[in-house]
Amino acid sequence: MRTWRLMLRKWRNSEEAATVMGLIRYVPYVACVVCLKVYVMMLLVDYRDAALDTEEYPEPVIVRQRRPRSKYTTPSTTTTTEEPGWQERLEVLGRLNDTVIMPSATNRTPDTIWLFFNRIPRTGGQTLVTLLKSLSKDLSYDHQEHVYRTPWQRLLSDEEQRNLATWFEYNFWPKSYDRFSLHINFTQHRSKYVSLRPAYITLVRDPVDKYISHYRFKRIDNERVKVEMAARERQVPGSGRTWYWQKVEDCILSGTGECDLSPGTNDFTSAVPFLCGQHPQCIQLGDRWALQKAKYEAEYDYAVVGVSEHWNTTLAVLEHYLPMFFRGASQRYWSQEFENTRLVNKNLKKYKPIREEVRKVLKEKLALEYELYDFLLQRLHLQYRQIEDLVKGPSTSLPTKPTEPPRMGALERLSIELMPRQKG
């Protein structure tokens, strides 16, 4: 017995015993973690079974369209019987290449608590984002501005689109979100237990003015200029300075380099790809199918597509078609608070107007962009005509807080006390 005690004491003083005793200390923690994980899994299973048994979260019935005539149609064009007008949408989509899509004033705003603003570069998007942030404080919703910490492209993979759809589903409070992204079909990528999708909005601008603004903006943003010039200098010494000093007129007339607008060139800045969607065909310049798809998405998916040159009309339509996010937008925009945030040209450099022949050349190259621009402008005015009587009627101003009675100063109170009292 004594021998065993000595052996045990000797073992307790060894490194192996210290290791074993250290591991034993963590056993309760490991057991707690395992029990918690099992408990969470059981809750998820119970929640899934309850969701399947209740009518509140029915499993959407996916209706596949008949094989369209266009060979470019992808599974992202599926729709569900939950959305109104789904039969009309499938019929139009099935003959997309040989149909005329007409704009209408139909309110396409879904029953939702989410707003997705896919921004198109150089269209006044930052002003609208600032307006959303300001209105969110009064209308009880949150605005999430996308933080570009990852090298995500505007053309997203299916996994990235699903992740963004899942992010919306985990927000149980009204939320607006903006990002430079091509149109995302949230109906396709949402969970089968969720029936909501975000409402879509965006802004467009005169294609020629937007193109020139984007060209010049790349040369005034210091960080962009440094990166672009360094990359060009590494390839061909001196080409970075040539790029920086090249005038927009010379670039357009030459039609080379960044001003190559020939059909088939990939484009990530124009309105057609941003409204067309994530299909590779959407980013090709001069593609007629991409234009038709952009019109289709704008008419059947977007609640409002605003036009920068018609800003007051855009605000009025946003205010009435999306009151959850834009009630009182016109009032707030023209308030003193927004005096330094309104649509202004933030480029401090002064430029001469480009020559008319150069504008004509650029307009011919952007013919499909102008066709989409005219389509969206007509749609916006039809929507405004639909609500014109409401705009001129009772205002949809923001809720006001009760004002406190004015407080009197010490001198004012003293003067009242010293006033002679009237007899009687």
Protein backbone atom coordinates (compact mmCIF):
# COMPACT_ATOMS: atom_id res chain seq x y z
CA MET A 1 0.00 0.00 0.00
CA ARG A 2 2.81 2.32 0.89
CA THR A 3 4.47 1.54 -2.41
CA TRP A 4 1.34 2.55 -4.31
CA ARG A 5 1.17 5.80 -2.40
CA LEU A 6 4.77 6.59 -3.26
CA MET A 7 4.16 5.78 -6.91
CA LEU A 8 1.04 7.97 -6.95
CA ARG A 9 2.86 10.86 -5.28
CA LYS A 10 5.73 10.51 -7.74
CA TRP A 11 3.31 10.50 -10.69
CA ARG A 12 1.46 13.59 -9.38
CA ASN A 13 4.74 15.50 -9.41
CA SER A 14 5.50 14.51 -13.04
CA GLU A 15 4.80 16.54 -16.19
CA GLU A 16 2.32 13.94 -17.48
CA ALA A 17 0.15 14.35 -14.37
CA ALA A 18 0.20 18.13 -14.79
CA THR A 19 -0.95 17.76 -18.40
CA VAL A 20 -3.74 15.34 -17.51
CA MET A 21 -4.98 17.50 -14.62
CA GLY A 22 -4.96 20.55 -16.89
CA LEU A 23 -7.12 18.75 -19.42
CA ILE A 24 -9.53 17.60 -16.74
CA ARG A 25 -10.11 21.20 -15.72
CA TYR A 26 -11.51 21.97 -19.19
CA VAL A 27 -13.92 19.02 -19.22
CA PRO A 28 -16.83 21.01 -17.64
CA TYR A 29 -16.40 23.83 -20.17
CA VAL A 30 -16.35 21.42 -23.12
CA ALA A 31 -19.43 19.68 -21.78
CA CYS A 32 -21.27 23.02 -21.46
CA VAL A 33 -20.38 24.00 -25.03
CA VAL A 34 -21.55 20.63 -26.40
CA CYS A 35 -24.82 20.87 -24.48
CA LEU A 36 -25.44 24.39 -25.76
CA LYS A 37 -24.81 23.37 -29.36
CA VAL A 38 -27.17 20.42 -29.03
CA TYR A 39 -29.79 22.69 -27.49
CA VAL A 40 -29.47 25.27 -30.31
CA MET A 41 -29.75 22.55 -32.96
CA MET A 42 -32.91 21.24 -31.31
CA LEU A 43 -34.37 24.77 -31.31
CA LEU A 44 -33.58 25.20 -35.01
CA VAL A 45 -35.19 21.88 -35.86
CA ASP A 46 -38.31 22.79 -33.86
CA TYR A 47 -38.45 26.21 -35.55
CA ARG A 48 -38.15 24.67 -39.00
CA ASP A 49 -40.92 22.17 -38.30
CA ALA A 50 -43.16 24.90 -36.90
CA ALA A 51 -42.50 27.10 -39.95
CA LEU A 52 -43.49 24.29 -42.26
CA ASP A 53 -46.70 23.63 -40.35
CA THR A 54 -47.94 27.22 -40.13
CA GLU A 55 -49.50 29.31 -42.88
CA GLU A 56 -47.44 32.36 -41.94
CA TYR A 57 -44.37 31.07 -43.77
CA PRO A 58 -45.64 28.97 -46.66
CA GLU A 59 -43.17 27.41 -48.99
CA PRO A 60 -43.28 29.46 -52.21
CA VAL A 61 -44.35 27.62 -55.31
CA ILE A 62 -41.71 28.12 -57.97
CA VAL A 63 -43.19 28.42 -61.42
CA ARG A 64 -40.72 27.71 -64.16
CA GLN A 65 -41.24 29.57 -67.35
CA ARG A 66 -41.58 27.82 -70.66
CA ARG A 67 -38.42 27.77 -72.70
CA PRO A 68 -37.97 31.32 -74.03
CA ARG A 69 -36.91 32.21 -77.51
CA SER A 70 -33.84 34.02 -76.19
CA LYS A 71 -30.88 31.76 -75.60
CA TYR A 72 -29.54 34.16 -72.98
CA THR A 73 -32.33 33.72 -70.45
CA THR A 74 -31.02 32.17 -67.22
CA PRO A 75 -32.62 30.62 -64.13
CA SER A 76 -32.35 34.05 -62.44
CA THR A 77 -35.48 35.06 -64.33
CA THR A 78 -37.73 32.71 -62.33
CA THR A 79 -40.60 34.21 -60.42
CA THR A 80 -43.21 33.01 -57.94
CA THR A 81 -46.96 32.96 -57.81
CA GLU A 82 -46.75 35.09 -54.67
CA GLU A 83 -45.91 38.21 -56.68
CA PRO A 84 -48.74 40.05 -58.45
CA GLY A 85 -48.70 39.99 -62.23
CA TRP A 86 -46.42 36.97 -62.41
CA GLN A 87 -48.22 35.54 -65.44
CA GLU A 88 -47.73 38.75 -67.40
CA ARG A 89 -44.08 38.81 -66.39
CA LEU A 90 -43.47 35.27 -67.61
CA GLU A 91 -45.17 35.98 -70.93
CA VAL A 92 -43.07 39.10 -71.51
CA LEU A 93 -39.90 37.33 -70.45
CA GLY A 94 -40.62 34.39 -72.76
CA ARG A 95 -40.62 36.67 -75.81
CA LEU A 96 -38.17 39.27 -74.58
CA ASN A 97 -36.34 39.69 -77.87
CA ASP A 98 -39.45 40.25 -79.99
CA THR A 99 -41.67 42.35 -77.76
CA VAL A 100 -42.09 46.05 -77.03
CA ILE A 101 -41.96 46.81 -73.31
CA MET A 102 -43.97 49.91 -72.51
CA PRO A 103 -43.51 51.96 -69.33
CA SER A 104 -46.43 52.29 -66.94
CA ALA A 105 -47.34 54.00 -63.69
CA THR A 106 -48.04 50.69 -61.91
CA ASN A 107 -46.81 50.72 -58.34
CA ARG A 108 -44.35 47.81 -58.16
CA THR A 109 -43.45 48.40 -54.50
CA PRO A 110 -43.72 45.03 -52.70
CA ASP A 111 -44.99 44.55 -49.18
CA THR A 112 -41.61 44.72 -47.45
CA ILE A 113 -39.53 46.40 -44.77
CA TRP A 114 -36.31 46.47 -46.81
CA LEU A 115 -35.03 48.86 -49.47
CA PHE A 116 -32.17 48.13 -51.88
CA PHE A 117 -30.62 51.11 -53.67
CA ASN A 118 -28.18 49.84 -56.29
CA ARG A 119 -26.31 53.01 -57.12
CA ILE A 120 -25.17 53.88 -60.63
CA PRO A 121 -21.95 55.94 -60.67
CA ARG A 122 -22.17 59.73 -61.16
CA THR A 123 -25.96 60.03 -60.95
CA GLY A 124 -26.36 61.85 -57.62
CA GLY A 125 -26.51 58.72 -55.50
CA GLN A 126 -24.56 60.17 -52.57
CA THR A 127 -27.15 62.95 -52.20
CA LEU A 128 -29.95 60.37 -52.02
CA VAL A 129 -27.95 58.32 -49.49
CA THR A 130 -27.51 61.41 -47.30
CA LEU A 131 -31.24 62.01 -47.56
CA LEU A 132 -31.97 58.41 -46.52
CA LYS A 133 -29.69 58.74 -43.49
CA SER A 134 -31.39 61.95 -42.45
CA LEU A 135 -34.94 60.60 -42.88
CA SER A 136 -34.16 57.34 -41.08
CA LYS A 137 -33.99 59.16 -37.75
CA ASP A 138 -37.58 60.41 -38.10
CA LEU A 139 -39.14 57.40 -39.86
CA SER A 140 -37.69 54.72 -37.56
CA TYR A 141 -35.56 52.69 -39.94
CA ASP A 142 -31.83 52.08 -40.27
CA HIS A 143 -29.67 52.82 -43.28
CA GLN A 144 -26.70 50.59 -44.02
CA GLU A 145 -24.08 52.04 -46.33
CA HIS A 146 -21.94 49.37 -47.94
CA VAL A 147 -18.34 49.41 -46.72
CA TYR A 148 -15.95 48.45 -49.51
CA ARG A 149 -13.40 46.54 -47.43
CA THR A 150 -13.29 43.58 -49.79
CA PRO A 151 -12.45 43.49 -53.50
CA TRP A 152 -16.02 42.52 -54.45
CA GLN A 153 -16.91 43.30 -58.01
CA ARG A 154 -20.20 44.75 -59.19
CA LEU A 155 -20.77 41.47 -60.99
CA LEU A 156 -21.34 39.16 -58.02
CA SER A 157 -21.17 35.40 -57.81
CA ASP A 158 -24.23 33.35 -56.86
CA GLU A 159 -22.82 32.80 -53.38
CA GLU A 160 -22.32 36.53 -52.82
CA GLN A 161 -25.86 37.23 -53.96
CA ARG A 162 -27.24 34.58 -51.60
CA ASN A 163 -25.19 36.05 -48.74
CA LEU A 164 -26.67 39.48 -49.37
CA ALA A 165 -30.19 38.05 -49.52
CA THR A 166 -29.54 36.22 -46.23
CA TRP A 167 -28.25 39.45 -44.69
CA PHE A 168 -31.59 41.13 -45.42
CA GLU A 169 -33.49 38.18 -43.94
CA TYR A 170 -31.67 38.57 -40.63
CA ASN A 171 -32.81 42.20 -40.31
CA PHE A 172 -36.12 42.25 -38.49
CA TRP A 173 -36.24 46.05 -38.39
CA PRO A 174 -36.90 48.29 -41.45
CA LYS A 175 -33.58 48.67 -43.25
CA SER A 176 -32.33 50.51 -46.33
CA TYR A 177 -29.09 49.53 -48.03
CA ASP A 178 -27.06 51.08 -50.85
CA ARG A 179 -24.29 49.64 -52.95
CA PHE A 180 -22.67 49.95 -56.37
CA SER A 181 -24.01 46.67 -57.69
CA LEU A 182 -25.68 45.32 -60.79
CA HIS A 183 -29.30 44.34 -60.28
CA ILE A 184 -29.71 41.33 -57.95
CA ASN A 185 -32.71 38.99 -58.18
CA PHE A 186 -33.55 38.56 -54.50
CA THR A 187 -36.60 36.46 -55.40
CA GLN A 188 -34.29 33.76 -56.68
CA HIS A 189 -31.71 33.90 -53.89
CA ARG A 190 -33.95 34.32 -50.85
CA SER A 191 -34.64 31.48 -48.42
CA LYS A 192 -37.65 29.28 -49.13
CA TYR A 193 -39.01 30.18 -45.69
CA VAL A 194 -39.07 33.93 -46.47
CA SER A 195 -41.71 35.55 -48.65
CA LEU A 196 -40.34 39.12 -48.59
CA ARG A 197 -37.81 40.75 -50.86
CA PRO A 198 -36.37 44.29 -50.82
CA ALA A 199 -37.95 47.09 -52.84
CA TYR A 200 -35.63 48.32 -55.62
CA ILE A 201 -34.76 51.93 -56.45
CA THR A 202 -31.98 53.60 -58.42
CA LEU A 203 -31.09 56.84 -60.20
CA VAL A 204 -30.15 57.53 -63.82
CA ARG A 205 -28.71 60.57 -65.56
CA ASP A 206 -28.31 61.89 -69.09
CA PRO A 207 -25.83 59.35 -70.57
CA VAL A 208 -23.49 61.92 -72.17
CA ASP A 209 -23.29 64.10 -69.07
CA LYS A 210 -22.78 61.03 -66.88
CA TYR A 211 -20.02 59.68 -69.11
CA ILE A 212 -18.13 62.99 -69.12
CA SER A 213 -18.58 63.38 -65.37
CA HIS A 214 -17.21 59.88 -64.76
CA TYR A 215 -14.24 60.52 -67.06
CA ARG A 216 -13.28 63.69 -65.21
CA PHE A 217 -13.99 62.27 -61.76
CA LYS A 218 -11.34 59.59 -62.27
CA ARG A 219 -8.82 62.42 -62.63
CA ILE A 220 -9.75 64.43 -59.53
CA ASP A 221 -9.94 61.61 -56.98
CA ASN A 222 -6.39 61.58 -55.58
CA GLU A 223 -6.37 57.93 -54.51
CA ARG A 224 -7.81 56.75 -57.83
CA VAL A 225 -5.31 58.88 -59.76
CA LYS A 226 -2.34 57.45 -57.85
CA VAL A 227 -3.40 53.84 -58.42
CA GLU A 228 -4.24 54.37 -62.11
CA MET A 229 -1.06 56.28 -62.94
CA ALA A 230 1.16 53.78 -61.09
CA ALA A 231 -0.40 50.85 -62.94
CA ARG A 232 0.07 52.54 -66.32
CA GLU A 233 3.62 53.65 -65.58
CA ARG A 234 4.60 50.07 -64.72
CA GLN A 235 3.37 48.90 -68.12
CA VAL A 236 4.63 51.77 -70.30
CA PRO A 237 6.76 54.55 -68.81
CA GLY A 238 5.11 57.94 -69.41
CA SER A 239 1.67 56.52 -70.19
CA GLY A 240 0.34 57.50 -66.75
CA ARG A 241 0.97 61.20 -67.35
CA THR A 242 -0.45 60.93 -70.86
CA TRP A 243 -3.61 59.38 -69.44
CA TYR A 244 -3.94 62.08 -66.80
CA TRP A 245 -3.62 65.05 -69.18
CA GLN A 246 -5.71 63.63 -72.02
CA LYS A 247 -8.83 65.73 -72.68
CA VAL A 248 -12.20 64.05 -72.85
CA GLU A 249 -12.79 65.36 -76.39
CA ASP A 250 -9.59 63.76 -77.71
CA CYS A 251 -10.37 60.50 -75.95
CA ILE A 252 -13.90 60.30 -77.38
CA LEU A 253 -12.85 61.13 -80.94
CA SER A 254 -10.00 58.61 -80.86
CA GLY A 255 -12.29 55.86 -79.56
CA THR A 256 -9.40 53.97 -78.01
CA GLY A 257 -8.38 52.96 -74.51
CA GLU A 258 -10.92 53.85 -71.85
CA CYS A 259 -13.10 55.56 -74.49
CA ASP A 260 -13.50 52.38 -76.52
CA LEU A 261 -17.27 52.13 -76.81
CA SER A 262 -17.37 49.54 -79.55
CA PRO A 263 -20.08 46.84 -79.32
CA GLY A 264 -19.13 43.89 -77.12
CA THR A 265 -16.86 45.89 -74.80
CA ASN A 266 -17.46 45.16 -71.12
CA ASP A 267 -19.02 48.07 -69.25
CA PHE A 268 -19.56 48.45 -65.49
CA THR A 269 -20.63 52.10 -65.32
CA SER A 270 -23.65 52.54 -67.61
CA ALA A 271 -27.32 52.25 -66.68
CA VAL A 272 -28.05 49.23 -68.92
CA PRO A 273 -25.85 46.73 -67.02
CA PHE A 274 -26.91 48.11 -63.62
CA LEU A 275 -30.57 47.53 -64.44
CA CYS A 276 -30.11 44.42 -66.59
CA GLY A 277 -28.59 42.28 -63.85
CA GLN A 278 -25.86 39.75 -63.15
CA HIS A 279 -25.90 37.88 -66.48
CA PRO A 280 -22.56 38.20 -68.37
CA GLN A 281 -24.50 39.39 -71.42
CA CYS A 282 -25.68 42.43 -69.45
CA ILE A 283 -22.26 44.08 -69.28
CA GLN A 284 -21.63 44.07 -73.03
CA LEU A 285 -22.04 47.40 -74.76
CA GLY A 286 -24.45 47.61 -77.67
CA ASP A 287 -26.32 44.43 -76.80
CA ARG A 288 -30.02 44.69 -77.66
CA TRP A 289 -31.02 41.82 -75.36
CA ALA A 290 -29.33 43.57 -72.41
CA LEU A 291 -31.38 46.70 -73.16
CA GLN A 292 -34.62 44.69 -73.26
CA LYS A 293 -33.72 42.97 -70.00
CA ALA A 294 -32.96 46.35 -68.38
CA LYS A 295 -36.37 47.68 -69.46
CA TYR A 296 -38.02 44.52 -68.17
CA GLU A 297 -36.38 44.74 -64.73
CA ALA A 298 -37.07 48.48 -64.47
CA GLU A 299 -40.76 48.07 -65.31
CA TYR A 300 -41.56 44.92 -63.33
CA ASP A 301 -39.13 45.00 -60.38
CA TYR A 302 -38.21 48.60 -59.55
CA ALA A 303 -40.56 50.68 -57.44
CA VAL A 304 -38.97 53.93 -58.65
CA VAL A 305 -36.13 54.76 -61.04
CA GLY A 306 -35.40 58.43 -60.50
CA VAL A 307 -33.84 60.86 -63.00
CA SER A 308 -31.25 63.35 -61.77
CA GLU A 309 -32.33 66.07 -64.22
CA HIS A 310 -35.89 65.82 -62.81
CA TRP A 311 -35.02 65.80 -59.14
CA ASN A 312 -38.20 67.32 -57.70
CA THR A 313 -40.33 64.87 -59.67
CA THR A 314 -38.14 62.02 -58.44
CA LEU A 315 -38.54 63.07 -54.80
CA ALA A 316 -42.31 63.39 -55.16
CA VAL A 317 -42.64 59.90 -56.66
CA LEU A 318 -40.32 58.37 -54.05
CA GLU A 319 -42.32 60.06 -51.32
CA HIS A 320 -45.62 58.56 -52.46
CA TYR A 321 -44.49 55.16 -53.76
CA LEU A 322 -42.17 54.42 -50.80
CA PRO A 323 -43.56 56.39 -47.85
CA MET A 324 -41.90 54.08 -45.30
CA PHE A 325 -38.49 55.41 -46.38
CA PHE A 326 -39.16 58.77 -48.09
CA ARG A 327 -42.08 60.44 -46.34
CA GLY A 328 -41.22 64.13 -46.12
CA ALA A 329 -38.29 63.80 -48.56
CA SER A 330 -39.05 67.02 -50.46
CA GLN A 331 -39.51 68.94 -47.23
CA ARG A 332 -36.21 67.67 -45.83
CA TYR A 333 -34.27 68.16 -49.06
CA TRP A 334 -35.23 71.83 -49.39
CA SER A 335 -34.74 72.57 -45.69
CA GLN A 336 -31.84 74.60 -44.36
CA GLU A 337 -30.24 71.38 -43.11
CA PHE A 338 -29.63 70.28 -46.70
CA GLU A 339 -28.37 73.61 -48.00
CA ASN A 340 -24.83 72.27 -48.48
CA THR A 341 -25.84 68.74 -49.50
CA ARG A 342 -28.11 69.35 -52.46
CA LEU A 343 -27.25 68.20 -55.99
CA VAL A 344 -24.21 70.27 -56.89
CA ASN A 345 -21.10 69.70 -58.95
CA LYS A 346 -18.45 68.89 -56.35
CA ASN A 347 -15.67 69.06 -58.94
CA LEU A 348 -13.98 72.39 -58.23
CA LYS A 349 -12.18 72.42 -61.58
CA LYS A 350 -13.71 74.56 -64.28
CA TYR A 351 -14.19 72.96 -67.70
CA LYS A 352 -15.32 74.38 -70.97
CA PRO A 353 -18.45 72.79 -72.48
CA ILE A 354 -17.46 70.04 -74.90
CA ARG A 355 -17.94 70.78 -78.57
CA GLU A 356 -21.28 69.87 -80.12
CA GLU A 357 -19.73 67.51 -82.68
CA VAL A 358 -18.04 65.58 -79.86
CA ARG A 359 -21.32 65.35 -77.96
CA LYS A 360 -23.00 64.08 -81.12
CA VAL A 361 -20.38 61.35 -81.60
CA LEU A 362 -20.73 60.24 -77.99
CA LYS A 363 -24.53 60.26 -78.21
CA GLU A 364 -24.42 57.95 -81.24
CA LYS A 365 -22.16 55.51 -79.40
CA LEU A 366 -24.51 55.55 -76.40
CA ALA A 367 -27.67 55.09 -78.46
CA LEU A 368 -28.97 52.17 -76.37
CA GLU A 369 -28.30 54.10 -73.17
CA TYR A 370 -30.46 56.95 -74.48
CA GLU A 371 -33.22 54.56 -75.41
CA LEU A 372 -33.26 53.27 -71.84
CA TYR A 373 -33.02 56.83 -70.46
CA ASP A 374 -36.05 57.97 -72.47
CA PHE A 375 -37.96 54.86 -71.35
CA LEU A 376 -37.22 55.57 -67.68
CA LEU A 377 -37.99 59.27 -68.03
CA GLN A 378 -41.38 58.45 -69.53
CA ARG A 379 -42.07 55.97 -66.72
CA LEU A 380 -41.17 58.53 -64.05
CA HIS A 381 -43.53 61.12 -65.53
CA LEU A 382 -46.32 58.56 -65.77
CA GLN A 383 -45.84 57.78 -62.09
CA TYR A 384 -45.88 61.47 -61.23
CA ARG A 385 -49.08 61.99 -63.22
CA GLN A 386 -50.61 59.18 -61.18
CA ILE A 387 -49.94 61.02 -57.90
CA GLU A 388 -50.15 64.62 -59.13
CA ASP A 389 -53.42 65.28 -57.30
CA LEU A 390 -51.93 63.90 -54.08
CA VAL A 391 -48.84 66.09 -54.44
CA LYS A 392 -50.99 69.21 -54.74
CA GLY A 393 -53.27 68.04 -51.92
CA PRO A 394 -52.40 67.40 -48.28
CA SER A 395 -48.66 67.29 -47.72
CA THR A 396 -46.84 64.21 -46.47
CA SER A 397 -44.55 66.10 -44.15
CA LEU A 398 -42.48 64.48 -41.45
CA PRO A 399 -43.94 64.03 -37.99
CA THR A 400 -43.19 67.10 -35.90
CA LYS A 401 -42.33 67.10 -32.23
CA PRO A 402 -44.50 69.19 -29.89
CA THR A 403 -42.94 72.61 -29.48
CA GLU A 404 -42.29 74.01 -26.04
CA PRO A 405 -43.66 77.46 -25.11
CA PRO A 406 -41.07 80.22 -25.47
CA ARG A 407 -39.13 80.85 -22.32
CA MET A 408 -38.84 84.42 -20.98
CA GLY A 409 -35.59 85.86 -19.81
CA ALA A 410 -34.97 87.54 -16.47
CA LEU A 411 -35.37 91.08 -17.85
CA GLU A 412 -38.67 90.16 -19.56
CA ARG A 413 -40.09 88.74 -16.33
CA LEU A 414 -38.93 91.82 -14.37
CA SER A 415 -40.55 94.21 -16.84
CA ILE A 416 -43.87 92.35 -16.56
CA GLU A 417 -43.74 92.50 -12.74
CA LEU A 418 -43.07 96.25 -12.78
CA MET A 419 -45.89 97.04 -15.21
CA PRO A 420 -48.71 99.05 -13.53
CA ARG A 421 -51.76 96.95 -12.90
CA GLN A 422 -55.00 98.05 -14.49
CA LYS A 423 -57.79 98.95 -12.12
CA GLY A 424 -61.08 97.21 -12.32
